[in-house]
PDB file of N, CA and C in Angstrom:
ATOM      1  N   UNK A   1     103.291  20.067 -52.945  1.00  0.00           N
ATOM      2  CA  UNK A   1     101.891  19.788 -53.165  1.00  0.00           C
ATOM      3  C   UNK A   1     101.621  19.916 -54.653  1.00  0.00           C
ATOM      4  N   UNK A   2     100.731  19.074 -55.136  1.00  0.00           N
ATOM      5  CA  UNK A   2     100.369  19.110 -56.548  1.00  0.00           C
ATOM      6  C   UNK A   2      98.876  18.868 -56.701  1.00  0.00           C
ATOM      7  N   UNK A   3      98.331  19.398 -57.782  1.00  0.00           N
ATOM      8  CA  UNK A   3      96.936  19.111 -58.091  1.00  0.00           C
ATOM      9  C   UNK A   3      96.829  17.654 -58.537  1.00  0.00           C
ATOM     10  N   UNK A   4      95.637  17.125 -58.565  1.00  0.00           N
ATOM     11  CA  UNK A   4      95.437  15.722 -58.929  1.00  0.00           C
ATOM     12  C   UNK A   4      95.965  15.406 -60.325  1.00  0.00           C
ATOM     13  N   UNK A   5      95.898  16.375 -61.233  1.00  0.00           N
ATOM     14  CA  UNK A   5      96.386  16.145 -62.597  1.00  0.00           C
ATOM     15  C   UNK A   5      97.867  16.520 -62.773  1.00  0.00           C
ATOM     16  N   UNK A   6      98.528  16.957 -61.701  1.00  0.00           N
ATOM     17  CA  UNK A   6      99.944  17.364 -61.704  1.00  0.00           C
ATOM     18  C   UNK A   6     100.252  18.524 -62.642  1.00  0.00           C
ATOM     19  N   UNK A   7      99.246  19.272 -63.039  1.00  0.00           N
ATOM     20  CA  UNK A   7      99.475  20.419 -63.912  1.00  0.00           C
ATOM     21  C   UNK A   7      99.970  21.638 -63.134  1.00  0.00           C
ATOM     22  N   UNK A   8      99.686  21.683 -61.843  1.00  0.00           N
ATOM     23  CA  UNK A   8     100.132  22.783 -60.996  1.00  0.00           C
ATOM     24  C   UNK A   8     100.725  22.188 -59.737  1.00  0.00           C
ATOM     25  N   UNK A   9     101.885  22.658 -59.359  1.00  0.00           N
ATOM     26  CA  UNK A   9     102.595  22.121 -58.207  1.00  0.00           C
ATOM     27  C   UNK A   9     103.402  23.241 -57.562  1.00  0.00           C
ATOM     28  N   UNK A  10     103.375  23.276 -56.280  1.00  0.00           N
ATOM     29  CA  UNK A  10     104.121  24.284 -55.524  1.00  0.00           C
ATOM     30  C   UNK A  10     104.839  23.581 -54.385  1.00  0.00           C
ATOM     31  N   UNK A  11     105.808  24.255 -53.854  1.00  0.00           N
ATOM     32  CA  UNK A  11     106.501  23.702 -52.697  1.00  0.00           C
ATOM     33  C   UNK A  11     106.785  24.841 -51.723  1.00  0.00           C
ATOM     34  N   UNK A  12     106.784  24.502 -50.467  1.00  0.00           N
ATOM     35  CA  UNK A  12     107.165  25.460 -49.432  1.00  0.00           C
ATOM     36  C   UNK A  12     108.182  24.784 -48.523  1.00  0.00           C
ATOM     37  N   UNK A  13     109.035  25.592 -47.969  1.00  0.00           N
ATOM     38  CA  UNK A  13     110.048  25.064 -47.055  1.00  0.00           C
ATOM     39  C   UNK A  13     109.378  24.633 -45.753  1.00  0.00           C
ATOM     40  N   UNK A  14     110.060  23.785 -45.002  1.00  0.00           N
ATOM     41  CA  UNK A  14     109.477  23.216 -43.782  1.00  0.00           C
ATOM     42  C   UNK A  14     109.152  24.288 -42.743  1.00  0.00           C
ATOM     43  N   UNK A  15     109.999  25.301 -42.630  1.00  0.00           N
ATOM     44  CA  UNK A  15     109.728  26.370 -41.658  1.00  0.00           C
ATOM     45  C   UNK A  15     108.396  27.058 -41.967  1.00  0.00           C
ATOM     46  N   UNK A  16     108.118  27.288 -43.245  1.00  0.00           N
ATOM     47  CA  UNK A  16     106.848  27.913 -43.629  1.00  0.00           C
ATOM     48  C   UNK A  16     105.676  26.958 -43.416  1.00  0.00           C
ATOM     49  N   UNK A  17     105.883  25.681 -43.713  1.00  0.00           N
ATOM     50  CA  UNK A  17     104.810  24.694 -43.527  1.00  0.00           C
ATOM     51  C   UNK A  17     104.426  24.572 -42.059  1.00  0.00           C
ATOM     52  N   UNK A  18     105.406  24.699 -41.170  1.00  0.00           N
ATOM     53  CA  UNK A  18     105.147  24.552 -39.738  1.00  0.00           C
ATOM     54  C   UNK A  18     104.820  25.873 -39.034  1.00  0.00           C
ATOM     55  N   UNK A  19     104.785  26.960 -39.789  1.00  0.00           N
ATOM     56  CA  UNK A  19     104.492  28.275 -39.202  1.00  0.00           C
ATOM     57  C   UNK A  19     103.082  28.257 -38.595  1.00  0.00           C
ATOM     58  N   UNK A  20     102.887  28.884 -37.438  1.00  0.00           N
ATOM     59  CA  UNK A  20     101.568  28.874 -36.782  1.00  0.00           C
ATOM     60  C   UNK A  20     100.441  29.453 -37.632  1.00  0.00           C
ATOM     61  N   UNK A  21     100.766  30.280 -38.633  1.00  0.00           N
ATOM     62  CA  UNK A  21      99.722  30.856 -39.488  1.00  0.00           C
ATOM     63  C   UNK A  21      99.456  30.020 -40.738  1.00  0.00           C
ATOM     64  N   UNK A  22     100.109  28.893 -40.885  1.00  0.00           N
ATOM     65  CA  UNK A  22      99.838  27.992 -41.999  1.00  0.00           C
ATOM     66  C   UNK A  22      98.765  27.006 -41.551  1.00  0.00           C
ATOM     67  N   UNK A  23      97.705  26.922 -42.323  1.00  0.00           N
ATOM     68  CA  UNK A  23      96.537  26.123 -41.938  1.00  0.00           C
ATOM     69  C   UNK A  23      96.080  25.207 -43.062  1.00  0.00           C
ATOM     70  N   UNK A  24      95.349  24.177 -42.726  1.00  0.00           N
ATOM     71  CA  UNK A  24      94.537  23.432 -43.671  1.00  0.00           C
ATOM     72  C   UNK A  24      93.102  23.812 -43.317  1.00  0.00           C
ATOM     73  N   UNK A  25      92.450  24.543 -44.197  1.00  0.00           N
ATOM     74  CA  UNK A  25      91.133  25.106 -43.892  1.00  0.00           C
ATOM     75  C   UNK A  25      90.015  24.147 -44.280  1.00  0.00           C
ATOM     76  N   UNK A  26      89.028  24.023 -43.425  1.00  0.00           N
ATOM     77  CA  UNK A  26      87.866  23.191 -43.735  1.00  0.00           C
ATOM     78  C   UNK A  26      86.560  23.976 -43.614  1.00  0.00           C
ATOM     79  N   UNK A  27      86.655  25.214 -43.095  1.00  0.00           N
ATOM     80  CA  UNK A  27      85.469  26.052 -43.021  1.00  0.00           C
ATOM     81  C   UNK A  27      85.872  27.512 -43.149  1.00  0.00           C
ATOM     82  N   UNK A  28      84.892  28.341 -43.457  1.00  0.00           N
ATOM     83  CA  UNK A  28      85.098  29.782 -43.554  1.00  0.00           C
ATOM     84  C   UNK A  28      83.871  30.460 -42.965  1.00  0.00           C
ATOM     85  N   UNK A  29      84.104  31.381 -42.042  1.00  0.00           N
ATOM     86  CA  UNK A  29      83.011  32.079 -41.367  1.00  0.00           C
ATOM     87  C   UNK A  29      82.047  31.106 -40.692  1.00  0.00           C
ATOM     88  N   UNK A  30      82.596  30.027 -40.120  1.00  0.00           N
ATOM     89  CA  UNK A  30      81.795  29.074 -39.378  1.00  0.00           C
ATOM     90  C   UNK A  30      80.999  28.100 -40.218  1.00  0.00           C
ATOM     91  N   UNK A  31      81.206  28.107 -41.537  1.00  0.00           N
ATOM     92  CA  UNK A  31      80.473  27.203 -42.424  1.00  0.00           C
ATOM     93  C   UNK A  31      81.455  26.362 -43.226  1.00  0.00           C
ATOM     94  N   UNK A  32      81.089  25.132 -43.571  1.00  0.00           N
ATOM     95  CA  UNK A  32      81.981  24.298 -44.375  1.00  0.00           C
ATOM     96  C   UNK A  32      82.352  24.990 -45.690  1.00  0.00           C
ATOM     97  N   UNK A  33      83.596  24.795 -46.112  1.00  0.00           N
ATOM     98  CA  UNK A  33      84.031  25.380 -47.377  1.00  0.00           C
ATOM     99  C   UNK A  33      83.240  24.809 -48.539  1.00  0.00           C
ATOM    100  N   UNK A  34      83.035  25.648 -49.546  1.00  0.00           N
ATOM    101  CA  UNK A  34      82.402  25.196 -50.781  1.00  0.00           C
ATOM    102  C   UNK A  34      83.497  24.937 -51.807  1.00  0.00           C
ATOM    103  N   UNK A  35      83.167  24.213 -52.848  1.00  0.00           N
ATOM    104  CA  UNK A  35      84.143  23.830 -53.867  1.00  0.00           C
ATOM    105  C   UNK A  35      84.842  25.046 -54.466  1.00  0.00           C
ATOM    106  N   UNK A  36      84.127  26.114 -54.708  1.00  0.00           N
ATOM    107  CA  UNK A  36      84.752  27.303 -55.312  1.00  0.00           C
ATOM    108  C   UNK A  36      85.784  27.964 -54.388  1.00  0.00           C
ATOM    109  N   UNK A  37      85.786  27.601 -53.118  1.00  0.00           N
ATOM    110  CA  UNK A  37      86.784  28.106 -52.185  1.00  0.00           C
ATOM    111  C   UNK A  37      87.829  27.051 -51.838  1.00  0.00           C
ATOM    112  N   UNK A  38      87.852  25.949 -52.609  1.00  0.00           N
ATOM    113  CA  UNK A  38      88.891  24.954 -52.429  1.00  0.00           C
ATOM    114  C   UNK A  38      88.527  23.744 -51.608  1.00  0.00           C
ATOM    115  N   UNK A  39      87.252  23.576 -51.264  1.00  0.00           N
ATOM    116  CA  UNK A  39      86.847  22.401 -50.476  1.00  0.00           C
ATOM    117  C   UNK A  39      87.374  21.133 -51.127  1.00  0.00           C
ATOM    118  N   UNK A  40      87.751  20.159 -50.333  1.00  0.00           N
ATOM    119  CA  UNK A  40      87.427  20.024 -48.923  1.00  0.00           C
ATOM    120  C   UNK A  40      88.498  20.560 -47.973  1.00  0.00           C
ATOM    121  N   UNK A  41      89.770  20.706 -48.396  1.00  0.00           N
ATOM    122  CA  UNK A  41      90.809  21.039 -47.423  1.00  0.00           C
ATOM    123  C   UNK A  41      91.985  21.791 -48.069  1.00  0.00           C
ATOM    124  N   UNK A  42      91.800  23.039 -48.461  1.00  0.00           N
ATOM    125  CA  UNK A  42      92.912  23.767 -49.071  1.00  0.00           C
ATOM    126  C   UNK A  42      93.892  24.280 -48.014  1.00  0.00           C
ATOM    127  N   UNK A  43      95.178  24.319 -48.352  1.00  0.00           N
ATOM    128  CA  UNK A  43      96.144  24.916 -47.436  1.00  0.00           C
ATOM    129  C   UNK A  43      96.059  26.434 -47.518  1.00  0.00           C
ATOM    130  N   UNK A  44      96.269  27.094 -46.409  1.00  0.00           N
ATOM    131  CA  UNK A  44      96.310  28.549 -46.359  1.00  0.00           C
ATOM    132  C   UNK A  44      97.623  28.928 -45.704  1.00  0.00           C
ATOM    133  N   UNK A  45      98.465  29.631 -46.446  1.00  0.00           N
ATOM    134  CA  UNK A  45      99.777  30.017 -45.950  1.00  0.00           C
ATOM    135  C   UNK A  45      99.876  31.531 -46.025  1.00  0.00           C
ATOM    136  N   UNK A  46      99.663  32.206 -44.913  1.00  0.00           N
ATOM    137  CA  UNK A  46      99.627  33.665 -44.899  1.00  0.00           C
ATOM    138  C   UNK A  46     100.998  34.316 -44.920  1.00  0.00           C
ATOM    139  N   UNK A  47     102.061  33.544 -44.762  1.00  0.00           N
ATOM    140  CA  UNK A  47     103.404  34.122 -44.759  1.00  0.00           C
ATOM    141  C   UNK A  47     104.063  34.051 -46.131  1.00  0.00           C
ATOM    142  N   UNK A  48     103.353  33.588 -47.139  1.00  0.00           N
ATOM    143  CA  UNK A  48     103.848  33.496 -48.515  1.00  0.00           C
ATOM    144  C   UNK A  48     102.907  34.258 -49.438  1.00  0.00           C
ATOM    145  N   UNK A  49     103.407  34.580 -50.632  1.00  0.00           N
ATOM    146  CA  UNK A  49     102.542  35.170 -51.648  1.00  0.00           C
ATOM    147  C   UNK A  49     101.454  34.173 -52.020  1.00  0.00           C
ATOM    148  N   UNK A  50     100.344  34.670 -52.521  1.00  0.00           N
ATOM    149  CA  UNK A  50      99.230  33.808 -52.891  1.00  0.00           C
ATOM    150  C   UNK A  50      99.593  32.735 -53.893  1.00  0.00           C
ATOM    151  N   UNK A  51     100.609  32.977 -54.722  1.00  0.00           N
ATOM    152  CA  UNK A  51     101.024  31.978 -55.707  1.00  0.00           C
ATOM    153  C   UNK A  51     101.591  30.725 -55.043  1.00  0.00           C
ATOM    154  N   UNK A  52     101.936  30.803 -53.767  1.00  0.00           N
ATOM    155  CA  UNK A  52     102.453  29.643 -53.045  1.00  0.00           C
ATOM    156  C   UNK A  52     101.339  28.859 -52.362  1.00  0.00           C
ATOM    157  N   UNK A  53     100.109  29.149 -52.714  1.00  0.00           N
ATOM    158  CA  UNK A  53      98.973  28.378 -52.227  1.00  0.00           C
ATOM    159  C   UNK A  53      98.430  27.542 -53.376  1.00  0.00           C
ATOM    160  N   UNK A  54      97.785  26.475 -53.069  1.00  0.00           N
ATOM    161  CA  UNK A  54      97.193  25.608 -54.078  1.00  0.00           C
ATOM    162  C   UNK A  54      95.747  25.380 -53.663  1.00  0.00           C
ATOM    163  N   UNK A  55      94.831  25.511 -54.606  1.00  0.00           N
ATOM    164  CA  UNK A  55      93.424  25.463 -54.239  1.00  0.00           C
ATOM    165  C   UNK A  55      92.965  24.060 -53.849  1.00  0.00           C
ATOM    166  N   UNK A  56      93.348  23.069 -54.630  1.00  0.00           N
ATOM    167  CA  UNK A  56      92.944  21.694 -54.330  1.00  0.00           C
ATOM    168  C   UNK A  56      94.159  20.783 -54.347  1.00  0.00           C
ATOM    169  N   UNK A  57      94.427  20.142 -53.239  1.00  0.00           N
ATOM    170  CA  UNK A  57      95.576  19.246 -53.123  1.00  0.00           C
ATOM    171  C   UNK A  57      95.226  17.883 -53.714  1.00  0.00           C
ATOM    172  N   UNK A  58      96.064  17.430 -54.642  1.00  0.00           N
ATOM    173  CA  UNK A  58      95.950  16.064 -55.140  1.00  0.00           C
ATOM    174  C   UNK A  58      96.913  15.162 -54.390  1.00  0.00           C
ATOM    175  N   UNK A  59      98.150  15.657 -54.200  1.00  0.00           N
ATOM    176  CA  UNK A  59      99.163  14.905 -53.464  1.00  0.00           C
ATOM    177  C   UNK A  59     100.005  15.860 -52.623  1.00  0.00           C
ATOM    178  N   UNK A  60     100.503  15.346 -51.523  1.00  0.00           N
ATOM    179  CA  UNK A  60     101.460  16.059 -50.678  1.00  0.00           C
ATOM    180  C   UNK A  60     102.656  15.136 -50.505  1.00  0.00           C
ATOM    181  N   UNK A  61     103.846  15.684 -50.716  1.00  0.00           N
ATOM    182  CA  UNK A  61     105.079  14.917 -50.529  1.00  0.00           C
ATOM    183  C   UNK A  61     105.993  15.674 -49.588  1.00  0.00           C
ATOM    184  N   UNK A  62     106.692  14.952 -48.749  1.00  0.00           N
ATOM    185  CA  UNK A  62     107.690  15.528 -47.864  1.00  0.00           C
ATOM    186  C   UNK A  62     109.038  14.983 -48.312  1.00  0.00           C
ATOM    187  N   UNK A  63     109.943  15.877 -48.699  1.00  0.00           N
ATOM    188  CA  UNK A  63     111.219  15.465 -49.278  1.00  0.00           C
ATOM    189  C   UNK A  63     112.396  16.040 -48.517  1.00  0.00           C
ATOM    190  N   UNK A  64     113.537  15.408 -48.641  1.00  0.00           N
ATOM    191  CA  UNK A  64     114.762  15.920 -48.021  1.00  0.00           C
ATOM    192  C   UNK A  64     115.601  16.711 -49.024  1.00  0.00           C
ATOM    193  N   UNK A  65     114.974  17.157 -50.080  1.00  0.00           N
ATOM    194  CA  UNK A  65     115.630  17.994 -51.091  1.00  0.00           C
ATOM    195  C   UNK A  65     114.619  19.035 -51.562  1.00  0.00           C
ATOM    196  N   UNK A  66     115.091  20.039 -52.255  1.00  0.00           N
ATOM    197  CA  UNK A  66     114.192  21.068 -52.778  1.00  0.00           C
ATOM    198  C   UNK A  66     113.384  20.480 -53.931  1.00  0.00           C
ATOM    199  N   UNK A  67     112.061  20.440 -53.809  1.00  0.00           N
ATOM    200  CA  UNK A  67     111.227  19.865 -54.872  1.00  0.00           C
ATOM    201  C   UNK A  67     110.976  20.850 -56.012  1.00  0.00           C
ATOM    202  N   UNK A  68     110.389  20.350 -57.051  1.00  0.00           N
ATOM    203  CA  UNK A  68     109.982  21.206 -58.173  1.00  0.00           C
ATOM    204  C   UNK A  68     108.971  22.234 -57.670  1.00  0.00           C
ATOM    205  N   UNK A  69     108.977  23.381 -58.319  1.00  0.00           N
ATOM    206  CA  UNK A  69     108.038  24.432 -57.975  1.00  0.00           C
ATOM    207  C   UNK A  69     107.622  25.129 -59.265  1.00  0.00           C
ATOM    208  N   UNK A  70     106.353  25.171 -59.528  1.00  0.00           N
ATOM    209  CA  UNK A  70     105.800  25.732 -60.768  1.00  0.00           C
ATOM    210  C   UNK A  70     106.351  27.125 -61.052  1.00  0.00           C
ATOM    211  N   UNK A  71     106.318  28.002 -60.054  1.00  0.00           N
ATOM    212  CA  UNK A  71     106.728  29.391 -60.285  1.00  0.00           C
ATOM    213  C   UNK A  71     108.243  29.556 -60.309  1.00  0.00           C
ATOM    214  N   UNK A  72     108.971  28.807 -59.518  1.00  0.00           N
ATOM    215  CA  UNK A  72     110.431  28.881 -59.546  1.00  0.00           C
ATOM    216  C   UNK A  72     110.963  28.441 -60.907  1.00  0.00           C
ATOM    217  N   UNK A  73     110.308  27.458 -61.524  1.00  0.00           N
ATOM    218  CA  UNK A  73     110.703  27.005 -62.858  1.00  0.00           C
ATOM    219  C   UNK A  73     110.448  28.064 -63.921  1.00  0.00           C
ATOM    220  N   UNK A  74     109.666  29.060 -63.605  1.00  0.00           N
ATOM    221  CA  UNK A  74     109.351  30.146 -64.537  1.00  0.00           C
ATOM    222  C   UNK A  74     110.083  31.435 -64.169  1.00  0.00           C
ATOM    223  N   UNK A  75     111.090  31.325 -63.306  1.00  0.00           N
ATOM    224  CA  UNK A  75     111.953  32.453 -63.006  1.00  0.00           C
ATOM    225  C   UNK A  75     111.632  33.241 -61.759  1.00  0.00           C
ATOM    226  N   UNK A  76     110.602  32.842 -61.032  1.00  0.00           N
ATOM    227  CA  UNK A  76     110.261  33.559 -59.798  1.00  0.00           C
ATOM    228  C   UNK A  76     111.073  32.997 -58.616  1.00  0.00           C
ATOM    229  N   UNK A  77     111.205  33.785 -57.589  1.00  0.00           N
ATOM    230  CA  UNK A  77     111.957  33.392 -56.409  1.00  0.00           C
ATOM    231  C   UNK A  77     111.269  32.223 -55.693  1.00  0.00           C
ATOM    232  N   UNK A  78     112.021  31.155 -55.442  1.00  0.00           N
ATOM    233  CA  UNK A  78     111.482  29.982 -54.754  1.00  0.00           C
ATOM    234  C   UNK A  78     110.958  30.352 -53.366  1.00  0.00           C
ATOM    235  N   UNK A  79     111.635  31.254 -52.683  1.00  0.00           N
ATOM    236  CA  UNK A  79     111.257  31.634 -51.315  1.00  0.00           C
ATOM    237  C   UNK A  79     110.363  32.860 -51.285  1.00  0.00           C
ATOM    238  N   UNK A  80     109.651  33.159 -52.340  1.00  0.00           N
ATOM    239  CA  UNK A  80     108.824  34.354 -52.430  1.00  0.00           C
ATOM    240  C   UNK A  80     107.918  34.503 -51.211  1.00  0.00           C
ATOM    241  N   UNK A  81     107.934  35.670 -50.643  1.00  0.00           N
ATOM    242  CA  UNK A  81     107.042  35.970 -49.546  1.00  0.00           C
ATOM    243  C   UNK A  81     107.643  35.791 -48.164  1.00  0.00           C
ATOM    244  N   UNK A  82     108.898  35.402 -48.088  1.00  0.00           N
ATOM    245  CA  UNK A  82     109.500  35.233 -46.766  1.00  0.00           C
ATOM    246  C   UNK A  82     109.586  36.541 -46.033  1.00  0.00           C
TER     247      UNK A  82
END
């Protein structure tokens, strides 16, 4: 996933993406999300560290190889939070 300007991009493995606690959120506390909370549809992945979440999705790609990851390129563990 990447922001619309491609300045921030993260990737998660398929097992984490398909985990029952991984969501695309459209409301919070019964009300539509506001922009400051990532509206219209931010991903929420509770099985990963917060750095593996992206507030606003510009693009989503599904690949058969390990994609680029903003934090892994800076020395952090690609699978952080497993």
